[in-house]
Amino acid sequence: QVQLVESGGGLVQAGGSLRLSCVASIKTFSLIAVDWYRQAPGKQREFVARVASSDSTTYVESVKGRFTISRNNAKSTVYLQMNSLKPEDTAVYYCHIERQTWSSRDYWGQGTQVTVSS
């Protein structure tokens, strides 16, 4: 089965930076797209960023120019570099893999808490 483990969350002041990591225990890592989602208190989980196997990236409008998603296939790791953080970025951030041809479901990590203070 697939396992996703996030790390790197913490407490930072507005305007600060943080880098999240997601390590995937999957041998075909280089062939798949990986996403970051986030869920703030009282809100629905929302898409944040995606990096495809081609290294093509996609971002939600609210983080464009501030967040950068990247991958290191040798380490089976996806990163989310977050700069110019705002209090509204406060949320639990989750790593995600969409349904694949070999699976009937998608996969989620356990989440890592990001808190941005004013």
Protein backbone atom coordinates (compact mmCIF):
# COMPACT_ATOMS: atom_id res chain seq x y z
CA GLN A 1 0.00 0.00 0.00
CA VAL A 2 0.91 3.68 -0.30
CA GLN A 3 2.11 5.72 2.66
CA LEU A 4 2.53 9.51 2.71
CA VAL A 5 4.30 11.29 5.58
CA GLU A 6 4.31 15.08 5.91
CA SER A 7 6.65 17.16 8.03
CA GLY A 8 7.89 20.72 8.42
CA GLY A 9 4.88 22.44 9.93
CA GLY A 10 5.18 24.88 12.79
CA LEU A 11 4.47 28.34 14.14
CA VAL A 12 5.75 31.35 12.20
CA GLN A 13 5.07 35.08 12.13
CA ALA A 14 3.30 36.76 9.23
CA GLY A 15 5.76 37.39 6.42
CA GLY A 16 7.89 34.41 7.38
CA SER A 17 8.70 31.22 5.50
CA LEU A 18 8.30 27.50 6.00
CA ARG A 19 9.11 24.41 3.93
CA LEU A 20 6.90 21.34 4.08
CA SER A 21 8.00 17.87 2.98
CA CYS A 22 6.05 14.81 1.90
CA VAL A 23 7.83 11.46 1.66
CA ALA A 24 6.00 8.80 -0.34
CA SER A 25 6.57 5.06 0.05
CA ILE A 26 5.80 4.16 -3.54
CA LYS A 27 8.23 2.70 -6.05
CA THR A 28 6.65 4.48 -9.03
CA PHE A 29 6.94 7.91 -7.41
CA SER A 30 8.57 9.55 -10.42
CA LEU A 31 5.58 8.65 -12.62
CA ILE A 32 2.83 10.29 -10.56
CA ALA A 33 1.51 13.75 -9.73
CA VAL A 34 1.48 14.85 -6.08
CA ASP A 35 -0.73 17.51 -4.50
CA TRP A 36 -0.85 19.65 -1.38
CA TYR A 37 -4.22 20.45 0.19
CA ARG A 38 -5.02 22.38 3.34
CA GLN A 39 -7.89 22.60 5.78
CA ALA A 40 -8.42 25.57 8.10
CA PRO A 41 -10.61 25.41 11.22
CA GLY A 42 -14.28 25.48 10.26
CA LYS A 43 -13.54 25.35 6.54
CA GLN A 44 -13.61 22.74 3.80
CA ARG A 45 -10.38 21.17 2.60
CA GLU A 46 -9.01 23.07 -0.40
CA PHE A 47 -6.49 22.39 -3.14
CA VAL A 48 -3.23 24.32 -2.81
CA ALA A 49 -0.68 23.06 -5.35
CA ARG A 50 0.20 20.18 -7.65
CA VAL A 51 3.39 18.98 -9.30
CA ALA A 52 3.05 16.55 -12.20
CA SER A 53 5.47 13.84 -13.28
CA SER A 54 6.59 16.27 -15.99
CA ASP A 55 7.38 18.85 -13.24
CA SER A 56 4.50 21.00 -14.48
CA THR A 57 2.97 22.91 -11.54
CA THR A 58 -0.46 24.24 -10.64
CA TYR A 59 -1.45 26.58 -7.79
CA VAL A 60 -4.59 27.97 -6.26
CA GLU A 61 -4.79 31.70 -7.01
CA SER A 62 -4.38 32.77 -3.38
CA VAL A 63 -0.84 31.32 -3.11
CA LYS A 64 0.57 32.17 -6.54
CA GLY A 65 3.84 34.04 -6.26
CA ARG A 66 4.28 32.99 -2.63
CA PHE A 67 4.34 29.16 -2.64
CA THR A 68 6.50 26.84 -4.74
CA ILE A 69 5.93 23.11 -5.12
CA SER A 70 8.80 20.89 -6.26
CA ARG A 71 9.92 17.27 -6.21
CA ASN A 72 13.05 15.21 -5.71
CA ASN A 73 12.45 11.82 -7.30
CA ALA A 74 15.67 10.33 -5.92
CA LYS A 75 14.30 10.95 -2.41
CA SER A 76 10.64 10.23 -3.28
CA THR A 77 9.85 13.60 -1.73
CA VAL A 78 7.65 16.56 -2.65
CA TYR A 79 8.23 19.98 -1.08
CA LEU A 80 6.08 23.03 -0.56
CA GLN A 81 8.14 26.17 -0.01
CA MET A 82 5.90 28.80 1.57
CA ASN A 83 7.06 32.41 1.62
CA SER A 84 5.36 35.65 2.68
CA LEU A 85 3.03 33.68 4.90
CA LYS A 86 -0.25 35.24 6.00
CA PRO A 87 -2.51 34.42 8.96
CA GLU A 88 -5.08 33.08 6.49
CA ASP A 89 -2.56 30.38 5.48
CA THR A 90 -3.06 28.80 8.90
CA ALA A 91 -4.31 25.25 8.36
CA VAL A 92 -3.43 21.59 8.48
CA TYR A 93 -1.58 20.80 5.26
CA TYR A 94 -2.01 17.39 3.63
CA CYS A 95 -0.06 15.54 0.96
CA HIS A 96 -2.25 13.79 -1.63
CA ILE A 97 -1.98 11.34 -4.52
CA GLU A 98 -4.89 11.04 -6.95
CA ARG A 99 -6.45 7.73 -7.95
CA GLN A 100 -4.10 5.74 -10.15
CA THR A 101 -4.76 3.06 -12.76
CA TRP A 102 -3.61 0.47 -10.23
CA SER A 103 -5.79 1.73 -7.35
CA SER A 104 -9.49 2.28 -6.69
CA ARG A 105 -8.83 5.14 -4.24
CA ASP A 106 -6.64 8.16 -3.68
CA TYR A 107 -4.20 8.60 -0.77
CA TRP A 108 -3.67 11.17 1.98
CA GLY A 109 -0.97 11.82 4.54
CA GLN A 110 -1.65 12.48 8.22
CA GLY A 111 -1.24 16.24 7.88
CA THR A 112 1.10 18.81 9.38
CA GLN A 113 -0.04 21.93 11.23
CA VAL A 114 0.97 25.37 9.95
CA THR A 115 0.15 28.34 12.16
CA VAL A 116 0.87 31.91 11.08
CA SER A 117 0.61 34.58 13.76
CA SER A 118 0.01 38.31 13.32
